[in-house]
Amino acid sequence: MTRVKYTTNLDAELLRLAKEKAEQCDMDGANAVIEAALRVYFANCSTQVWEKTMQGGWIKKMIVRPGQVIFESIRVRKVKARYNPKYFTDEVLAPKGWTKVWKMKQG
């Protein structure tokens, strides 16, 4: 892809976070983080997610993407607001049978 120079005004806090993330992930500066964010946005901006509550507590979930529809049945949805991150690492979850199906690309 051809690279072009583009200047704009960004929220100072967002730019600081982008610079920190670039440094942590050994990326080529904040622009690499901004480009990755734009790629994720454009890959998902036309995606729709629909849910329907069923009897017995099941949730039917439908993800509609261009050229693809995904159906899921979910028995229970539990959201934890407070948790210890050390229990949710690759090293802890993989031996327990969890499979990582998606992670945002770094760079």
N, C-alpha and C. Protein backbone atom coordinates (compact mmCIF):
# COMPACT_ATOMS: atom_id res chain seq x y z
N MET A 1 0.83 -1.17 0.00
CA MET A 1 0.00 0.00 0.00
C MET A 1 0.88 1.25 0.00
N THR A 2 0.50 2.22 -0.73
CA THR A 2 1.24 3.47 -0.78
C THR A 2 1.00 4.27 0.49
N ARG A 3 2.06 4.81 1.04
CA ARG A 3 1.94 5.63 2.24
C ARG A 3 1.88 7.09 1.84
N VAL A 4 0.98 7.84 2.47
CA VAL A 4 0.85 9.27 2.21
C VAL A 4 0.96 10.01 3.54
N LYS A 5 1.46 11.21 3.49
CA LYS A 5 1.57 12.04 4.69
C LYS A 5 0.21 12.67 4.96
N TYR A 6 -0.23 12.58 6.22
CA TYR A 6 -1.52 13.12 6.60
C TYR A 6 -1.37 13.70 8.01
N THR A 7 -1.78 14.91 8.21
CA THR A 7 -1.69 15.51 9.54
C THR A 7 -3.08 15.82 10.05
N THR A 8 -3.25 15.68 11.34
CA THR A 8 -4.54 15.95 11.97
C THR A 8 -4.32 16.28 13.43
N ASN A 9 -5.37 16.65 14.11
CA ASN A 9 -5.33 16.89 15.54
C ASN A 9 -5.97 15.70 16.25
N LEU A 10 -5.26 15.14 17.21
CA LEU A 10 -5.77 14.01 17.98
C LEU A 10 -5.88 14.41 19.44
N ASP A 11 -6.75 13.75 20.15
CA ASP A 11 -6.83 13.91 21.59
C ASP A 11 -5.47 13.55 22.18
N ALA A 12 -4.93 14.41 23.02
CA ALA A 12 -3.59 14.22 23.57
C ALA A 12 -3.46 12.91 24.33
N GLU A 13 -4.51 12.53 25.06
CA GLU A 13 -4.46 11.28 25.83
C GLU A 13 -4.41 10.07 24.90
N LEU A 14 -5.17 10.09 23.81
CA LEU A 14 -5.13 8.99 22.84
C LEU A 14 -3.76 8.86 22.20
N LEU A 15 -3.16 9.98 21.87
CA LEU A 15 -1.83 9.95 21.27
C LEU A 15 -0.80 9.41 22.26
N ARG A 16 -0.91 9.80 23.52
CA ARG A 16 -0.01 9.28 24.55
C ARG A 16 -0.16 7.77 24.69
N LEU A 17 -1.40 7.30 24.72
CA LEU A 17 -1.64 5.85 24.82
C LEU A 17 -1.09 5.11 23.61
N ALA A 18 -1.25 5.70 22.42
CA ALA A 18 -0.73 5.07 21.20
C ALA A 18 0.79 4.98 21.24
N LYS A 19 1.44 6.02 21.73
CA LYS A 19 2.90 6.00 21.84
C LYS A 19 3.36 4.95 22.83
N GLU A 20 2.67 4.85 23.98
CA GLU A 20 3.01 3.83 24.98
C GLU A 20 2.84 2.43 24.41
N LYS A 21 1.73 2.20 23.72
CA LYS A 21 1.46 0.87 23.15
C LYS A 21 2.51 0.52 22.11
N ALA A 22 2.89 1.48 21.29
CA ALA A 22 3.91 1.25 20.27
C ALA A 22 5.23 0.86 20.92
N GLU A 23 5.57 1.52 22.00
CA GLU A 23 6.81 1.21 22.70
C GLU A 23 6.76 -0.19 23.32
N GLN A 24 5.63 -0.54 23.95
CA GLN A 24 5.46 -1.85 24.58
C GLN A 24 5.54 -2.98 23.57
N CYS A 25 4.99 -2.76 22.39
CA CYS A 25 4.89 -3.81 21.37
C CYS A 25 5.98 -3.72 20.32
N ASP A 26 6.98 -2.88 20.55
CA ASP A 26 8.10 -2.73 19.62
C ASP A 26 7.61 -2.40 18.21
N MET A 27 6.70 -1.44 18.14
CA MET A 27 6.15 -0.99 16.86
C MET A 27 6.84 0.31 16.46
N ASP A 28 6.67 0.72 15.22
CA ASP A 28 7.31 1.92 14.70
C ASP A 28 6.54 3.19 15.04
N GLY A 29 6.27 3.43 16.29
CA GLY A 29 5.64 4.67 16.72
C GLY A 29 4.12 4.62 16.73
N ALA A 30 3.55 5.77 17.12
CA ALA A 30 2.10 5.89 17.27
C ALA A 30 1.37 5.66 15.96
N ASN A 31 1.99 6.02 14.83
CA ASN A 31 1.32 5.82 13.54
C ASN A 31 0.99 4.36 13.29
N ALA A 32 1.86 3.45 13.71
CA ALA A 32 1.60 2.02 13.52
C ALA A 32 0.38 1.58 14.33
N VAL A 33 0.24 2.13 15.53
CA VAL A 33 -0.92 1.79 16.37
C VAL A 33 -2.19 2.37 15.74
N ILE A 34 -2.12 3.60 15.26
CA ILE A 34 -3.28 4.23 14.63
C ILE A 34 -3.69 3.47 13.36
N GLU A 35 -2.71 3.04 12.56
CA GLU A 35 -3.02 2.26 11.36
C GLU A 35 -3.68 0.94 11.73
N ALA A 36 -3.17 0.27 12.78
CA ALA A 36 -3.77 -1.00 13.21
C ALA A 36 -5.21 -0.78 13.67
N ALA A 37 -5.46 0.32 14.38
CA ALA A 37 -6.81 0.62 14.84
C ALA A 37 -7.75 0.87 13.67
N LEU A 38 -7.27 1.58 12.66
CA LEU A 38 -8.09 1.84 11.47
C LEU A 38 -8.39 0.55 10.71
N ARG A 39 -7.42 -0.36 10.63
CA ARG A 39 -7.65 -1.65 9.96
C ARG A 39 -8.73 -2.45 10.69
N VAL A 40 -8.66 -2.47 12.02
CA VAL A 40 -9.69 -3.17 12.80
C VAL A 40 -11.05 -2.52 12.58
N TYR A 41 -11.09 -1.20 12.59
CA TYR A 41 -12.34 -0.49 12.37
C TYR A 41 -12.95 -0.85 11.02
N PHE A 42 -12.16 -0.75 9.95
CA PHE A 42 -12.70 -1.01 8.62
C PHE A 42 -13.03 -2.49 8.41
N ALA A 43 -12.34 -3.38 9.10
CA ALA A 43 -12.65 -4.80 9.00
C ALA A 43 -13.98 -5.13 9.69
N ASN A 44 -14.38 -4.30 10.65
CA ASN A 44 -15.57 -4.63 11.45
C ASN A 44 -16.70 -3.62 11.38
N CYS A 45 -16.53 -2.51 10.66
CA CYS A 45 -17.55 -1.46 10.70
C CYS A 45 -18.88 -1.89 10.08
N SER A 46 -18.88 -2.87 9.21
CA SER A 46 -20.14 -3.31 8.60
C SER A 46 -20.70 -4.56 9.28
N THR A 47 -20.10 -4.97 10.38
CA THR A 47 -20.56 -6.14 11.13
C THR A 47 -21.74 -5.75 12.02
N GLN A 48 -22.74 -6.63 12.05
CA GLN A 48 -23.89 -6.44 12.93
C GLN A 48 -23.97 -7.64 13.87
N VAL A 49 -24.31 -7.42 15.11
CA VAL A 49 -24.49 -8.51 16.08
C VAL A 49 -25.91 -8.42 16.61
N TRP A 50 -26.62 -9.55 16.51
CA TRP A 50 -28.01 -9.64 16.96
C TRP A 50 -28.09 -10.72 18.04
N GLU A 51 -28.91 -10.47 19.07
CA GLU A 51 -29.12 -11.47 20.12
C GLU A 51 -30.61 -11.60 20.41
N LYS A 52 -30.99 -12.83 20.79
CA LYS A 52 -32.38 -13.10 21.16
C LYS A 52 -32.36 -14.00 22.38
N THR A 53 -33.08 -13.61 23.43
CA THR A 53 -33.16 -14.42 24.64
C THR A 53 -34.20 -15.51 24.45
N MET A 54 -33.82 -16.74 24.76
CA MET A 54 -34.70 -17.89 24.60
C MET A 54 -35.14 -18.40 25.97
N GLN A 55 -36.08 -19.36 25.96
CA GLN A 55 -36.52 -19.97 27.21
C GLN A 55 -35.37 -20.76 27.82
N GLY A 56 -35.36 -20.84 29.13
CA GLY A 56 -34.33 -21.61 29.82
C GLY A 56 -33.01 -20.86 29.97
N GLY A 57 -32.99 -19.58 29.64
CA GLY A 57 -31.79 -18.79 29.83
C GLY A 57 -30.81 -18.78 28.67
N TRP A 58 -31.10 -19.52 27.60
CA TRP A 58 -30.21 -19.53 26.44
C TRP A 58 -30.27 -18.20 25.72
N ILE A 59 -29.17 -17.85 25.09
CA ILE A 59 -29.11 -16.66 24.24
C ILE A 59 -28.69 -17.11 22.85
N LYS A 60 -29.45 -16.76 21.86
CA LYS A 60 -29.07 -16.99 20.46
C LYS A 60 -28.36 -15.74 19.98
N LYS A 61 -27.21 -15.90 19.38
CA LYS A 61 -26.43 -14.77 18.90
C LYS A 61 -26.15 -14.96 17.42
N MET A 62 -26.34 -13.91 16.65
CA MET A 62 -26.09 -13.95 15.22
C MET A 62 -25.16 -12.80 14.86
N ILE A 63 -24.04 -13.13 14.23
CA ILE A 63 -23.07 -12.13 13.78
C ILE A 63 -23.14 -12.08 12.27
N VAL A 64 -23.51 -10.93 11.73
CA VAL A 64 -23.69 -10.76 10.29
C VAL A 64 -22.53 -9.92 9.75
N ARG A 65 -21.72 -10.54 8.90
CA ARG A 65 -20.60 -9.86 8.23
C ARG A 65 -20.84 -9.96 6.73
N PRO A 66 -20.23 -9.12 5.94
CA PRO A 66 -20.38 -9.26 4.49
C PRO A 66 -19.91 -10.64 4.04
N GLY A 67 -20.80 -11.42 3.43
CA GLY A 67 -20.46 -12.75 2.93
C GLY A 67 -20.44 -13.84 3.97
N GLN A 68 -20.84 -13.55 5.21
CA GLN A 68 -20.77 -14.58 6.26
C GLN A 68 -21.75 -14.28 7.38
N VAL A 69 -22.43 -15.32 7.86
CA VAL A 69 -23.30 -15.20 9.02
C VAL A 69 -22.89 -16.29 10.00
N ILE A 70 -22.70 -15.91 11.25
CA ILE A 70 -22.29 -16.86 12.30
C ILE A 70 -23.40 -16.93 13.33
N PHE A 71 -23.84 -18.16 13.67
CA PHE A 71 -24.84 -18.37 14.71
C PHE A 71 -24.16 -18.99 15.92
N GLU A 72 -24.52 -18.51 17.11
CA GLU A 72 -24.00 -19.06 18.36
C GLU A 72 -25.15 -19.25 19.33
N SER A 73 -25.04 -20.29 20.15
CA SER A 73 -25.97 -20.49 21.26
C SER A 73 -25.17 -20.38 22.55
N ILE A 74 -25.63 -19.52 23.43
CA ILE A 74 -24.92 -19.26 24.67
C ILE A 74 -25.84 -19.62 25.82
N ARG A 75 -25.37 -20.47 26.72
CA ARG A 75 -26.19 -20.90 27.85
C ARG A 75 -26.21 -19.84 28.94
N VAL A 76 -25.06 -19.32 29.28
CA VAL A 76 -24.97 -18.35 30.36
C VAL A 76 -23.99 -17.25 29.95
N ARG A 77 -24.32 -16.03 30.24
CA ARG A 77 -23.38 -14.93 30.03
C ARG A 77 -23.10 -14.33 31.39
N LYS A 78 -21.83 -14.31 31.75
CA LYS A 78 -21.41 -13.75 33.02
C LYS A 78 -20.32 -12.73 32.74
N VAL A 79 -20.49 -11.53 33.24
CA VAL A 79 -19.51 -10.48 33.04
C VAL A 79 -18.89 -10.15 34.39
N LYS A 80 -17.56 -10.25 34.45
CA LYS A 80 -16.86 -9.93 35.69
C LYS A 80 -16.23 -8.55 35.55
N ALA A 81 -16.58 -7.65 36.45
CA ALA A 81 -16.01 -6.32 36.42
C ALA A 81 -14.70 -6.28 37.21
N ARG A 82 -14.59 -7.10 38.24
CA ARG A 82 -13.37 -7.17 39.02
C ARG A 82 -12.82 -8.58 38.93
N TYR A 83 -11.57 -8.69 38.54
CA TYR A 83 -10.94 -10.00 38.41
C TYR A 83 -9.44 -9.84 38.52
N ASN A 84 -8.75 -10.94 38.76
CA ASN A 84 -7.29 -10.93 38.85
C ASN A 84 -6.74 -11.35 37.49
N PRO A 85 -6.07 -10.44 36.75
CA PRO A 85 -5.60 -10.74 35.40
C PRO A 85 -4.64 -11.93 35.31
N LYS A 86 -3.95 -12.26 36.39
CA LYS A 86 -2.99 -13.37 36.32
C LYS A 86 -3.68 -14.71 36.08
N TYR A 87 -4.98 -14.81 36.35
CA TYR A 87 -5.72 -16.05 36.11
C TYR A 87 -6.25 -16.16 34.68
N PHE A 88 -6.01 -15.14 33.85
CA PHE A 88 -6.55 -15.12 32.50
C PHE A 88 -5.44 -14.97 31.46
N THR A 89 -4.28 -15.56 31.72
CA THR A 89 -3.16 -15.52 30.79
C THR A 89 -3.16 -16.79 29.93
N ASP A 90 -2.41 -16.77 28.83
CA ASP A 90 -2.29 -17.95 27.96
C ASP A 90 -1.79 -19.15 28.74
N GLU A 91 -0.81 -18.92 29.61
CA GLU A 91 -0.18 -20.01 30.35
C GLU A 91 -1.14 -20.70 31.32
N VAL A 92 -2.10 -19.98 31.82
CA VAL A 92 -3.08 -20.54 32.76
C VAL A 92 -4.26 -21.17 32.02
N LEU A 93 -4.76 -20.50 30.99
CA LEU A 93 -5.98 -20.95 30.33
C LEU A 93 -5.78 -22.14 29.39
N ALA A 94 -4.69 -22.15 28.62
CA ALA A 94 -4.47 -23.24 27.64
C ALA A 94 -4.44 -24.62 28.30
N PRO A 95 -3.73 -24.83 29.41
CA PRO A 95 -3.75 -26.16 30.04
C PRO A 95 -5.12 -26.57 30.56
N LYS A 96 -6.00 -25.60 30.74
CA LYS A 96 -7.35 -25.91 31.22
C LYS A 96 -8.32 -26.19 30.08
N GLY A 97 -7.81 -26.25 28.84
CA GLY A 97 -8.65 -26.60 27.70
C GLY A 97 -9.20 -25.43 26.92
N TRP A 98 -8.89 -24.21 27.30
CA TRP A 98 -9.36 -23.04 26.55
C TRP A 98 -8.52 -22.88 25.30
N THR A 99 -9.15 -22.46 24.21
CA THR A 99 -8.47 -22.22 22.94
C THR A 99 -8.67 -20.76 22.56
N LYS A 100 -7.57 -20.06 22.31
CA LYS A 100 -7.68 -18.66 21.89
C LYS A 100 -8.08 -18.65 20.43
N VAL A 101 -9.20 -18.01 20.11
CA VAL A 101 -9.68 -18.00 18.74
C VAL A 101 -9.44 -16.66 18.05
N TRP A 102 -9.11 -15.63 18.81
CA TRP A 102 -8.84 -14.33 18.20
C TRP A 102 -8.04 -13.46 19.13
N LYS A 103 -7.05 -12.78 18.60
CA LYS A 103 -6.32 -11.76 19.33
C LYS A 103 -5.91 -10.70 18.32
N MET A 104 -6.04 -9.45 18.71
CA MET A 104 -5.69 -8.37 17.79
C MET A 104 -4.21 -8.45 17.44
N LYS A 105 -3.92 -8.33 16.13
CA LYS A 105 -2.53 -8.34 15.66
C LYS A 105 -1.77 -7.18 16.24
N GLN A 106 -0.55 -7.42 16.61
CA GLN A 106 0.34 -6.38 17.12
C GLN A 106 1.34 -6.03 16.02
N GLY A 107 1.04 -4.97 15.29
CA GLY A 107 1.99 -4.51 14.27
C GLY A 107 1.86 -5.14 12.98
